[in-house]
């Protein structure tokens, strides 16, 4: 089996942390926005003199193996065909964006699940190329890693850790139906006020919304157990040479680093081995490039609008581009639009398009009035960090759910990507820019985000170092992982108590019948006498 991997080694001569021991961190990442978060943590670990090794399949989009901090990267590349990965990704995006207008809500959910399934063989192939590579596995064993950090949106990191017999930490934003968090992490999720991801619901639900939340949870549970989990459990059992389950393997995680915080989340119960580290990638704004700064300053008192649909959406249809550009042309603000493709015919003189924009620096600029976003978690957190209200144009995955959170907190207005008109976009812009409540709510969220005893990045790194120092964090792991499903819900106890009550009632009834019968016989004897 060819390895087909890139191993990225960040090596530093001094390896001191905490109590003075060298920390060796193995990383199983995902690409795109997931990598932005994880890379921030890894750079901080490297700055603190930990040795970090990142396992990167060459079909990933991760290419930024250099940075300005002077860290030493050593790259080992074994070619791997990118076509399969890109084809699966493009098909999935096409289904989730271009075909959505004709779909009902439940069809969209089903379509997302199917796109998710189509991508699983790619993830499994990546996993096999590590697990079945004796050379790579032996090399990792000899290195003697202290901990494995894995992005658990897709499985395998936990399996690698199990094979290497090292503790591991999960990094996660969300999972379908909260399945990873509920079943593998053991976190409580009462459906009466904890909305299921993709449901676009809040923690304050009407009766019918609670019905919808319940149905959505049942749907994802069915999909999870009969499709996703069944396939992976068979693979895991084959690799480990014994029957196992995803719950058993993933449930061994020492810590769960959740990439949100209470500025974004609705209040809900959580466990001591869950840490919320949302916004750990956010930083103070840096000065803009000279040409861009001049354009921003030319906006005068009206300020600017920042517009980005993320890194995965490369092009819009000509019709969609023109209607958006026509709306932007009618506002007094200057607009900086991250856009690739043919220049829209309706593009106004107040709008400039760029292949790339320094999004964080623009959102932190004092002249920024609003942020038009697709609703990715990273962009939303940068807007929260800098206190910028949003116009949400969600398209797929967790984006509609993210915007629903921001709408509920009064910091965003949503525009439907598929049905929007020029007037819809224009009205949304005017509402967010001219209604001061949106800016006030965005600033309130920003104050909540900044008012933490420990910065999110420092908190994430602390727990990684903690697991390395103590060889795990078993004292934080709830006992629920050692219980069966019926024990967890106390069904065996309820059954026992019901049996006891039934026994007592049965005996009481029998005693009554016996006493009544005895009294009846005694009465008959007295009558005869």
Protein backbone atom coordinates (compact mmCIF):
# COMPACT_ATOMS: atom_id res chain seq x y z
CA UNK A 1 0.00 0.00 0.00
CA UNK A 2 1.64 3.31 -1.09
CA UNK A 3 1.83 5.90 1.66
CA UNK A 4 0.67 8.85 -0.46
CA UNK A 5 1.26 11.31 2.35
CA UNK A 6 2.93 14.52 3.24
CA UNK A 7 4.44 14.61 6.74
CA UNK A 8 5.07 18.12 7.91
CA UNK A 9 7.61 18.33 10.76
CA UNK A 10 7.91 21.52 12.75
CA UNK A 11 11.19 20.98 14.65
CA UNK A 12 12.71 23.21 17.31
CA UNK A 13 15.91 22.54 19.25
CA UNK A 14 14.51 23.60 22.62
CA UNK A 15 11.61 21.47 23.87
CA UNK A 16 10.49 22.87 27.18
CA UNK A 17 6.97 23.21 28.45
CA UNK A 18 5.23 23.27 31.80
CA UNK A 19 7.26 21.05 34.10
CA UNK A 20 10.19 20.92 31.65
CA UNK A 21 9.55 17.89 29.42
CA UNK A 22 9.53 17.78 25.63
CA UNK A 23 6.12 17.65 24.01
CA UNK A 24 5.57 15.71 20.79
CA UNK A 25 2.25 16.35 19.08
CA UNK A 26 0.88 14.28 16.19
CA UNK A 27 -1.90 15.91 14.15
CA UNK A 28 -4.67 14.49 11.95
CA UNK A 29 -6.17 17.56 10.20
CA UNK A 30 -8.85 18.49 7.73
CA UNK A 31 -8.45 21.21 5.13
CA UNK A 32 -10.15 24.49 4.20
CA UNK A 33 -11.65 26.39 7.16
CA UNK A 34 -10.89 23.51 9.54
CA UNK A 35 -7.18 23.93 8.87
CA UNK A 36 -7.26 27.67 9.65
CA UNK A 37 -8.29 26.91 13.23
CA UNK A 38 -5.95 24.00 13.72
CA UNK A 39 -2.96 25.76 12.15
CA UNK A 40 -3.34 28.59 14.68
CA UNK A 41 -3.09 26.09 17.55
CA UNK A 42 -0.13 24.28 15.98
CA UNK A 43 1.81 27.49 15.43
CA UNK A 44 1.29 28.41 19.08
CA UNK A 45 2.46 24.94 20.16
CA UNK A 46 5.55 25.29 17.98
CA UNK A 47 6.22 28.76 19.40
CA UNK A 48 6.18 27.13 22.83
CA UNK A 49 8.87 24.72 21.62
CA UNK A 50 6.77 21.62 21.10
CA UNK A 51 7.59 19.27 18.26
CA UNK A 52 4.59 19.05 15.93
CA UNK A 53 4.07 16.49 13.16
CA UNK A 54 1.14 16.96 10.78
CA UNK A 55 -0.09 14.06 8.64
CA UNK A 56 -1.27 15.63 5.40
CA UNK A 57 -2.61 13.66 2.41
CA UNK A 58 -1.32 15.29 -0.74
CA UNK A 59 -4.88 15.62 -2.09
CA UNK A 60 -5.64 18.16 0.62
CA UNK A 61 -5.67 21.87 -0.10
CA UNK A 62 -3.20 22.51 2.73
CA UNK A 63 -0.13 24.14 1.21
CA UNK A 64 0.80 26.88 3.70
CA UNK A 65 3.70 25.07 5.34
CA UNK A 66 5.68 28.25 5.87
CA UNK A 67 5.00 31.27 8.02
CA UNK A 68 6.65 34.47 9.13
CA UNK A 69 7.67 33.18 12.54
CA UNK A 70 10.79 31.45 11.26
CA UNK A 71 9.67 27.96 12.20
CA UNK A 72 11.52 25.15 10.47
CA UNK A 73 9.34 22.97 8.24
CA UNK A 74 10.62 19.75 6.73
CA UNK A 75 8.30 18.34 4.04
CA UNK A 76 8.11 14.75 2.79
CA UNK A 77 5.87 14.40 -0.26
CA UNK A 78 4.62 11.20 -1.86
CA UNK A 79 2.28 12.02 -4.81
CA UNK A 80 -1.38 11.15 -4.50
CA UNK A 81 -4.05 11.66 -7.14
CA UNK A 82 -6.18 14.69 -6.38
CA UNK A 83 -8.87 13.97 -8.94
CA UNK A 84 -11.00 11.70 -6.74
CA UNK A 85 -11.02 14.19 -3.88
CA UNK A 86 -11.79 17.21 -6.06
CA UNK A 87 -14.50 15.37 -8.00
CA UNK A 88 -16.30 14.33 -4.80
CA UNK A 89 -15.99 17.83 -3.42
CA UNK A 90 -17.21 19.54 -6.59
CA UNK A 91 -20.20 17.18 -6.88
CA UNK A 92 -21.10 17.81 -3.26
CA UNK A 93 -20.88 21.60 -3.64
CA UNK A 94 -22.92 21.50 -6.83
CA UNK A 95 -25.66 19.51 -5.11
CA UNK A 96 -25.69 21.72 -2.03
CA UNK A 97 -25.66 25.05 -3.90
CA UNK A 98 -26.90 24.87 -7.48
CA UNK A 99 -29.67 22.30 -7.05
CA UNK A 100 -31.02 23.69 -3.79
CA UNK A 101 -33.55 26.19 -5.19
CA UNK A 102 -35.92 23.40 -6.29
CA UNK A 103 -35.58 21.44 -3.06
CA UNK A 104 -37.78 21.45 0.02
CA UNK A 105 -36.11 21.82 3.42
CA UNK A 106 -36.10 18.06 4.09
CA UNK A 107 -34.77 17.37 0.60
CA UNK A 108 -31.90 19.77 1.33
CA UNK A 109 -31.11 17.86 4.52
CA UNK A 110 -31.20 14.54 2.67
CA UNK A 111 -29.08 15.97 -0.13
CA UNK A 112 -26.47 17.15 2.38
CA UNK A 113 -26.38 13.71 3.94
CA UNK A 114 -25.87 12.08 0.52
CA UNK A 115 -23.05 14.51 -0.31
CA UNK A 116 -21.51 13.67 3.05
CA UNK A 117 -21.68 9.95 2.20
CA UNK A 118 -20.05 10.51 -1.21
CA UNK A 119 -17.04 12.07 0.49
CA UNK A 120 -16.58 9.24 3.03
CA UNK A 121 -14.67 6.90 0.64
CA UNK A 122 -12.06 9.64 0.19
CA UNK A 123 -11.64 9.93 3.97
CA UNK A 124 -11.47 6.14 4.33
CA UNK A 125 -8.81 5.97 1.60
CA UNK A 126 -6.73 8.56 3.43
CA UNK A 127 -7.09 6.59 6.63
CA UNK A 128 -6.07 3.30 5.00
CA UNK A 129 -2.95 4.90 3.56
CA UNK A 130 -1.77 5.67 7.08
CA UNK A 131 -3.03 2.66 9.04
CA UNK A 132 -1.81 0.09 6.50
CA UNK A 133 1.56 1.74 5.93
CA UNK A 134 3.91 -0.25 8.14
CA UNK A 135 6.77 2.17 7.45
CA UNK A 136 4.82 5.24 8.48
CA UNK A 137 3.23 3.59 11.53
CA UNK A 138 6.57 2.25 12.74
CA UNK A 139 8.17 5.66 12.28
CA UNK A 140 5.45 7.25 14.42
CA UNK A 141 5.82 4.57 17.11
CA UNK A 142 9.57 5.18 17.32
CA UNK A 143 9.03 8.93 17.63
CA UNK A 144 6.97 8.37 20.75
CA UNK A 145 4.27 11.03 20.53
CA UNK A 146 2.68 12.34 23.71
CA UNK A 147 -0.70 13.22 22.23
CA UNK A 148 -2.65 13.20 18.97
CA UNK A 149 -4.82 16.18 17.99
CA UNK A 150 -7.54 15.26 15.51
CA UNK A 151 -10.29 17.09 13.67
CA UNK A 152 -13.14 14.70 14.38
CA UNK A 153 -15.50 15.97 11.66
CA UNK A 154 -14.44 12.72 9.95
CA UNK A 155 -13.13 9.58 11.72
CA UNK A 156 -9.63 8.06 11.75
CA UNK A 157 -7.57 10.22 14.12
CA UNK A 158 -8.89 8.22 17.08
CA UNK A 159 -8.03 4.97 15.27
CA UNK A 160 -4.45 6.12 14.66
CA UNK A 161 -4.16 7.04 18.35
CA UNK A 162 -5.55 3.64 19.34
CA UNK A 163 -2.98 1.85 17.17
CA UNK A 164 -0.14 4.00 18.56
CA UNK A 165 -1.50 3.70 22.11
CA UNK A 166 -1.35 7.43 22.81
CA UNK A 167 -3.99 9.81 24.24
CA UNK A 168 -5.90 12.00 21.79
CA UNK A 169 -7.86 15.24 21.78
CA UNK A 170 -10.83 15.99 19.51
CA UNK A 171 -11.28 19.31 17.73
CA UNK A 172 -14.86 19.85 16.57
CA UNK A 173 -17.32 22.51 15.44
CA UNK A 174 -20.44 20.33 15.06
CA UNK A 175 -21.66 16.96 13.84
CA UNK A 176 -24.90 15.84 12.18
CA UNK A 177 -27.55 15.54 14.85
CA UNK A 178 -24.93 16.24 17.53
CA UNK A 179 -24.08 12.53 17.18
CA UNK A 180 -20.37 12.79 18.01
CA UNK A 181 -21.01 15.03 20.97
CA UNK A 182 -23.98 13.05 22.36
CA UNK A 183 -23.02 9.45 21.69
CA UNK A 184 -19.23 9.58 21.63
CA UNK A 185 -18.67 12.51 23.97
CA UNK A 186 -21.56 11.80 26.34
CA UNK A 187 -22.71 15.42 26.44
CA UNK A 188 -26.40 15.93 27.37
CA UNK A 189 -28.56 17.49 24.65
CA UNK A 190 -32.21 17.88 25.73
CA UNK A 191 -34.21 18.35 22.54
CA UNK A 192 -36.64 20.68 24.31
CA UNK A 193 -34.12 23.53 24.15
CA UNK A 194 -30.94 22.28 22.41
CA UNK A 195 -31.49 22.71 18.65
CA UNK A 196 -30.15 20.02 16.32
CA UNK A 197 -27.51 21.36 13.89
CA UNK A 198 -28.87 22.13 10.40
CA UNK A 199 -32.31 22.78 11.86
CA UNK A 200 -31.96 26.61 11.86
CA UNK A 201 -33.70 26.63 15.24
CA UNK A 202 -32.88 28.48 18.46
CA UNK A 203 -33.08 27.49 22.12
CA UNK A 204 -36.54 29.08 22.37
CA UNK A 205 -38.78 26.80 20.32
CA UNK A 206 -42.54 26.70 19.87
CA UNK A 207 -44.37 23.39 20.17
CA UNK A 208 -44.19 22.72 16.41
CA UNK A 209 -40.49 23.68 16.36
CA UNK A 210 -39.84 21.18 19.14
CA UNK A 211 -41.66 18.59 17.04
CA UNK A 212 -39.41 19.52 14.08
CA UNK A 213 -36.33 19.33 16.31
CA UNK A 214 -37.34 15.86 17.51
CA UNK A 215 -38.01 14.60 13.97
CA UNK A 216 -34.69 16.00 12.75
CA UNK A 217 -32.87 14.28 15.60
CA UNK A 218 -34.56 10.95 14.84
CA UNK A 219 -33.70 11.33 11.16
CA UNK A 220 -30.01 11.97 11.85
CA UNK A 221 -29.90 9.14 14.40
CA UNK A 222 -31.27 6.76 11.78
CA UNK A 223 -28.78 7.94 9.16
CA UNK A 224 -25.95 7.85 11.68
CA UNK A 225 -26.47 4.35 13.00
CA UNK A 226 -27.59 2.66 9.78
CA UNK A 227 -25.17 4.31 7.38
CA UNK A 228 -22.21 6.20 8.78
CA UNK A 229 -21.47 4.35 12.01
CA UNK A 230 -22.13 0.87 10.64
CA UNK A 231 -19.58 1.30 7.83
CA UNK A 232 -16.86 2.72 10.05
CA UNK A 233 -17.34 0.21 12.85
CA UNK A 234 -16.73 -2.62 10.40
CA UNK A 235 -13.52 -0.93 9.24
CA UNK A 236 -12.38 -0.20 12.80
CA UNK A 237 -13.01 -3.81 13.85
CA UNK A 238 -10.97 -5.12 10.90
CA UNK A 239 -8.06 -2.80 11.70
CA UNK A 240 -8.01 -3.57 15.43
CA UNK A 241 -8.66 -7.28 14.98
CA UNK A 242 -11.52 -7.28 17.48
CA UNK A 243 -15.16 -6.16 17.57
CA UNK A 244 -15.41 -2.49 18.46
CA UNK A 245 -17.67 0.53 18.03
CA UNK A 246 -17.12 4.16 17.20
CA UNK A 247 -18.49 5.05 20.63
CA UNK A 248 -15.86 2.88 22.30
CA UNK A 249 -12.96 4.31 20.28
CA UNK A 250 -13.97 7.96 19.96
CA UNK A 251 -15.23 7.95 23.53
CA UNK A 252 -11.64 7.53 24.72
CA UNK A 253 -10.87 11.16 23.85
CA UNK A 254 -9.24 12.97 26.76
CA UNK A 255 -10.60 16.39 25.78
CA UNK A 256 -13.03 17.89 23.29
CA UNK A 257 -12.08 21.35 21.99
CA UNK A 258 -15.30 22.86 20.60
CA UNK A 259 -14.71 25.71 18.17
CA UNK A 260 -17.49 27.96 19.51
CA UNK A 261 -18.14 29.92 22.71
CA UNK A 262 -21.09 31.36 24.62
CA UNK A 263 -21.04 34.50 22.50
CA UNK A 264 -22.25 32.23 19.68
CA UNK A 265 -23.81 29.20 21.41
CA UNK A 266 -27.12 29.03 23.18
CA UNK A 267 -26.80 27.99 26.86
CA UNK A 268 -26.73 24.22 27.23
CA UNK A 269 -25.25 21.57 29.57
CA UNK A 270 -21.72 20.38 28.96
CA UNK A 271 -19.09 18.16 30.59
CA UNK A 272 -15.74 18.94 32.26
CA UNK A 273 -13.73 17.45 29.37
CA UNK A 274 -15.45 19.81 26.89
CA UNK A 275 -13.76 23.19 26.39
CA UNK A 276 -15.26 25.91 24.18
CA UNK A 277 -12.48 27.72 22.32
CA UNK A 278 -14.34 29.61 19.59
CA UNK A 279 -12.48 32.50 17.99
CA UNK A 280 -9.02 31.22 18.87
CA UNK A 281 -7.79 32.27 15.42
CA UNK A 282 -8.92 35.90 15.81
CA UNK A 283 -6.29 38.61 16.14
CA UNK A 284 -6.12 42.41 16.33
CA UNK A 285 -6.29 44.07 12.92
CA UNK A 286 -3.04 44.92 11.13
CA UNK A 287 -2.56 47.87 8.75
CA UNK A 288 -4.02 47.37 5.27
CA UNK A 289 -1.97 47.42 2.07
CA UNK A 290 -1.42 51.01 0.94
CA UNK A 291 -3.69 50.86 -2.13
CA UNK A 292 -6.49 49.22 -0.16
CA UNK A 293 -6.18 51.73 2.68
CA UNK A 294 -6.54 54.61 0.24
CA UNK A 295 -9.73 53.09 -1.14
CA UNK A 296 -11.08 52.57 2.38
CA UNK A 297 -10.26 56.14 3.41
CA UNK A 298 -11.99 57.47 0.31
CA UNK A 299 -15.30 56.23 1.74
CA UNK A 300 -15.45 59.23 4.07
CA UNK A 301 -18.09 59.18 6.80
CA UNK A 302 -20.10 56.44 5.05
CA UNK A 303 -17.47 53.78 5.70
CA UNK A 304 -17.06 50.40 3.99
CA UNK A 305 -18.75 47.02 3.58
CA UNK A 306 -16.66 43.84 3.51
CA UNK A 307 -17.99 41.02 1.32
CA UNK A 308 -16.69 37.43 1.21
CA UNK A 309 -18.35 34.07 0.54
CA UNK A 310 -15.37 32.08 1.80
CA UNK A 311 -12.67 30.05 0.11
CA UNK A 312 -14.77 27.16 -1.21
CA UNK A 313 -17.15 29.18 -3.41
CA UNK A 314 -14.99 30.25 -6.33
CA UNK A 315 -17.55 31.59 -8.77
CA UNK A 316 -21.15 32.74 -8.86
CA UNK A 317 -23.46 32.55 -11.85
CA UNK A 318 -23.52 35.66 -14.02
CA UNK A 319 -27.12 36.36 -13.04
CA UNK A 320 -26.36 36.12 -9.32
CA UNK A 321 -23.25 38.27 -9.59
CA UNK A 322 -25.11 41.01 -11.45
CA UNK A 323 -28.03 41.23 -9.03
CA UNK A 324 -25.63 41.41 -6.05
CA UNK A 325 -23.44 44.01 -7.76
CA UNK A 326 -26.53 46.07 -8.61
CA UNK A 327 -27.51 46.16 -4.93
CA UNK A 328 -23.99 47.11 -3.83
CA UNK A 329 -23.91 49.95 -6.36
CA UNK A 330 -26.88 51.64 -4.65
CA UNK A 331 -25.36 52.12 -1.20
CA UNK A 332 -23.14 55.11 -0.26
CA UNK A 333 -20.51 52.86 1.35
CA UNK A 334 -17.44 51.60 -0.50
CA UNK A 335 -17.42 47.82 -0.91
CA UNK A 336 -14.45 45.44 -0.91
CA UNK A 337 -15.63 42.16 -2.45
CA UNK A 338 -13.63 38.96 -2.53
CA UNK A 339 -14.68 37.71 -5.94
CA UNK A 340 -13.26 35.49 -8.67
CA UNK A 341 -14.85 35.33 -12.08
CA UNK A 342 -16.16 37.57 -14.80
CA UNK A 343 -16.60 41.18 -13.73
CA UNK A 344 -20.34 41.87 -13.24
CA UNK A 345 -21.85 44.29 -15.76
CA UNK A 346 -23.71 46.08 -12.95
CA UNK A 347 -20.62 46.65 -10.80
CA UNK A 348 -20.73 50.19 -9.42
CA UNK A 349 -17.79 52.60 -8.98
CA UNK A 350 -18.07 52.16 -5.21
CA UNK A 351 -17.22 48.44 -5.42
CA UNK A 352 -13.85 46.80 -5.97
CA UNK A 353 -13.29 43.09 -6.40
CA UNK A 354 -10.24 41.20 -5.17
CA UNK A 355 -9.04 37.62 -5.55
CA UNK A 356 -8.14 37.76 -1.88
CA UNK A 357 -8.74 40.22 0.94
CA UNK A 358 -7.20 40.52 4.44
CA UNK A 359 -10.59 39.79 5.97
CA UNK A 360 -9.63 40.04 9.64
CA UNK A 361 -7.80 43.35 9.09
CA UNK A 362 -10.72 44.80 7.16
CA UNK A 363 -13.26 43.73 9.78
CA UNK A 364 -11.08 45.37 12.42
CA UNK A 365 -10.88 48.65 10.50
CA UNK A 366 -12.79 51.52 12.18
CA UNK A 367 -14.57 52.40 8.92
CA UNK A 368 -16.19 48.95 8.51
CA UNK A 369 -19.98 49.18 8.82
CA UNK A 370 -21.12 45.68 7.82
CA UNK A 371 -19.92 42.26 6.73
CA UNK A 372 -21.65 40.25 3.99
CA UNK A 373 -20.80 36.62 4.76
CA UNK A 374 -21.76 33.09 3.76
CA UNK A 375 -21.86 32.21 7.46
CA UNK A 376 -18.69 30.20 7.95
CA UNK A 377 -17.71 29.91 11.61
CA UNK A 378 -14.28 31.50 11.12
CA UNK A 379 -15.67 34.61 9.42
CA UNK A 380 -18.48 34.95 11.95
CA UNK A 381 -15.99 34.84 14.80
CA UNK A 382 -13.82 37.49 13.21
CA UNK A 383 -16.94 39.68 12.94
CA UNK A 384 -17.81 38.98 16.59
CA UNK A 385 -14.23 39.70 17.65
CA UNK A 386 -14.33 43.14 16.00
CA UNK A 387 -18.02 43.87 16.70
CA UNK A 388 -19.23 44.05 13.09
CA UNK A 389 -22.91 43.32 12.23
CA UNK A 390 -23.59 40.86 9.42
CA UNK A 391 -25.70 40.21 6.35
CA UNK A 392 -25.83 36.42 6.12
CA UNK A 393 -26.04 34.69 2.73
CA UNK A 394 -25.77 31.01 3.79
CA UNK A 395 -25.51 28.25 1.21
CA UNK A 396 -24.69 24.82 2.69
CA UNK A 397 -23.52 22.77 5.68
CA UNK A 398 -23.66 24.63 9.00
CA UNK A 399 -23.86 28.08 7.40
CA UNK A 400 -27.69 28.50 7.68
CA UNK A 401 -27.50 27.34 11.29
CA UNK A 402 -24.69 29.78 12.07
CA UNK A 403 -26.63 32.71 10.64
CA UNK A 404 -29.70 31.59 12.61
CA UNK A 405 -27.61 31.96 15.76
CA UNK A 406 -26.52 35.46 14.81
CA UNK A 407 -30.08 36.48 13.87
CA UNK A 408 -31.34 35.26 17.25
CA UNK A 409 -28.71 37.38 18.96
CA UNK A 410 -29.71 40.44 16.92
CA UNK A 411 -26.39 40.83 15.09
CA UNK A 412 -27.38 39.72 11.57
CA UNK A 413 -30.00 39.78 8.82
CA UNK A 414 -30.38 36.79 6.51
CA UNK A 415 -30.84 36.89 2.74
CA UNK A 416 -31.79 33.68 0.89
CA UNK A 417 -28.99 33.00 -1.60
CA UNK A 418 -31.28 31.22 -4.07
CA UNK A 419 -34.34 33.44 -4.12
CA UNK A 420 -32.84 36.84 -3.34
CA UNK A 421 -33.40 39.84 -5.57
CA UNK A 422 -31.45 43.07 -5.83
CA UNK A 423 -34.05 44.68 -3.57
CA UNK A 424 -33.61 41.95 -0.94
CA UNK A 425 -29.87 42.49 -0.72
CA UNK A 426 -30.25 46.28 -0.75
CA UNK A 427 -32.85 46.24 2.03
CA UNK A 428 -30.72 43.93 4.15
CA UNK A 429 -27.72 46.24 3.75
CA UNK A 430 -29.73 49.33 4.65
CA UNK A 431 -31.24 47.59 7.68
CA UNK A 432 -27.93 46.45 9.14
CA UNK A 433 -26.07 49.69 8.39
CA UNK A 434 -28.78 52.18 9.39
CA UNK A 435 -30.43 50.39 12.33
CA UNK A 436 -28.10 50.99 15.31
CA UNK A 437 -29.39 47.93 17.20
CA UNK A 438 -27.39 45.58 14.96
CA UNK A 439 -24.13 47.37 15.70
CA UNK A 440 -24.99 47.50 19.40
CA UNK A 441 -25.69 43.77 19.51
CA UNK A 442 -22.53 42.97 17.58
CA UNK A 443 -20.52 45.06 20.05
CA UNK A 444 -22.25 43.30 22.96
CA UNK A 445 -21.17 39.93 21.58
CA UNK A 446 -17.68 41.31 21.06
CA UNK A 447 -17.47 42.41 24.71
CA UNK A 448 -18.62 38.95 25.84
CA UNK A 449 -15.99 37.33 23.63
CA UNK A 450 -13.16 39.50 24.95
CA UNK A 451 -14.26 39.27 28.59
CA UNK A 452 -12.76 35.85 29.31
CA UNK A 453 -10.25 35.00 32.06
CA UNK A 454 -8.12 33.11 29.54
CA UNK A 455 -7.88 33.70 25.81
CA UNK A 456 -9.37 30.89 23.67
CA UNK A 457 -6.02 30.03 22.08
CA UNK A 458 -4.27 29.88 25.44
CA UNK A 459 -7.07 27.70 26.79
CA UNK A 460 -6.81 25.27 23.88
CA UNK A 461 -3.03 25.01 24.19
CA UNK A 462 -3.24 24.64 27.97
CA UNK A 463 -5.43 21.55 27.71
CA UNK A 464 -3.22 19.99 25.04
CA UNK A 465 -0.21 20.53 27.30
CA UNK A 466 -2.21 19.27 30.28
CA UNK A 467 -2.92 15.97 28.53
CA UNK A 468 0.77 15.66 27.63
CA UNK A 469 1.90 16.39 31.19
CA UNK A 470 -0.51 13.96 32.84
CA UNK A 471 -0.65 11.32 30.10
CA UNK A 472 -4.35 11.98 29.71
CA UNK A 473 -7.24 13.55 31.59
CA UNK A 474 -9.12 10.52 32.85
CA UNK A 475 -10.34 12.37 35.95
CA UNK A 476 -12.50 14.58 33.67
CA UNK A 477 -13.98 11.71 31.69
CA UNK A 478 -17.60 11.01 32.72
CA UNK A 479 -18.57 7.51 33.83
CA UNK A 480 -21.31 7.50 31.19
CA UNK A 481 -18.75 6.10 28.73
CA UNK A 482 -18.66 2.88 30.75
CA UNK A 483 -22.44 2.43 30.77
CA UNK A 484 -24.68 0.78 28.21
CA UNK A 485 -27.46 2.84 26.67
CA UNK A 486 -30.08 1.32 28.95
CA UNK A 487 -27.90 1.90 32.02
CA UNK A 488 -27.26 5.52 30.97
CA UNK A 489 -31.01 6.18 30.81
CA UNK A 490 -31.57 4.11 34.00
CA UNK A 491 -33.96 1.83 32.13
CA UNK A 492 -32.69 -1.17 34.11
CA UNK A 493 -33.34 0.68 37.39
CA UNK A 494 -36.78 1.81 36.20
CA UNK A 495 -37.56 -1.75 35.14
CA UNK A 496 -36.42 -3.10 38.53
CA UNK A 497 -38.50 -0.54 40.44
CA UNK A 498 -41.55 -1.24 38.28
CA UNK A 499 -41.06 -4.95 38.92
CA UNK A 500 -40.85 -4.27 42.67
CA UNK A 501 -44.01 -2.16 42.57
CA UNK A 502 -45.77 -4.80 40.47
CA UNK A 503 -44.69 -7.50 42.94
CA UNK A 504 -45.92 -5.52 45.94
CA UNK A 505 -49.25 -4.80 44.21
CA UNK A 506 -49.57 -8.44 43.18
CA UNK A 507 -48.90 -9.65 46.75
CA UNK A 508 -51.30 -7.04 48.16
CA UNK A 509 -54.05 -8.13 45.78
CA UNK A 510 -53.42 -11.79 46.56
CA UNK A 511 -53.57 -11.01 50.28
CA UNK A 512 -56.84 -9.13 49.81
CA UNK A 513 -58.33 -12.03 47.87
CA UNK A 514 -57.08 -14.47 50.50
CA UNK A 515 -58.48 -12.40 53.38
CA UNK A 516 -61.77 -11.79 51.57
CA UNK A 517 -62.04 -15.48 50.80
CA UNK A 518 -61.30 -16.43 54.38
CA UNK A 519 -63.87 -13.96 55.72
CA UNK A 520 -66.42 -15.24 53.22
CA UNK A 521 -65.93 -18.85 54.31
CA UNK A 522 -66.14 -17.82 57.97
CA UNK A 523 -69.45 -16.01 57.32
CA UNK A 524 -70.92 -19.04 55.59
CA UNK A 525 -70.01 -21.26 58.55
CA UNK A 526 -71.69 -18.83 60.97
CA UNK A 527 -74.89 -18.83 58.87
CA UNK A 528 -75.01 -22.63 58.86
CA UNK A 529 -74.53 -22.67 62.59
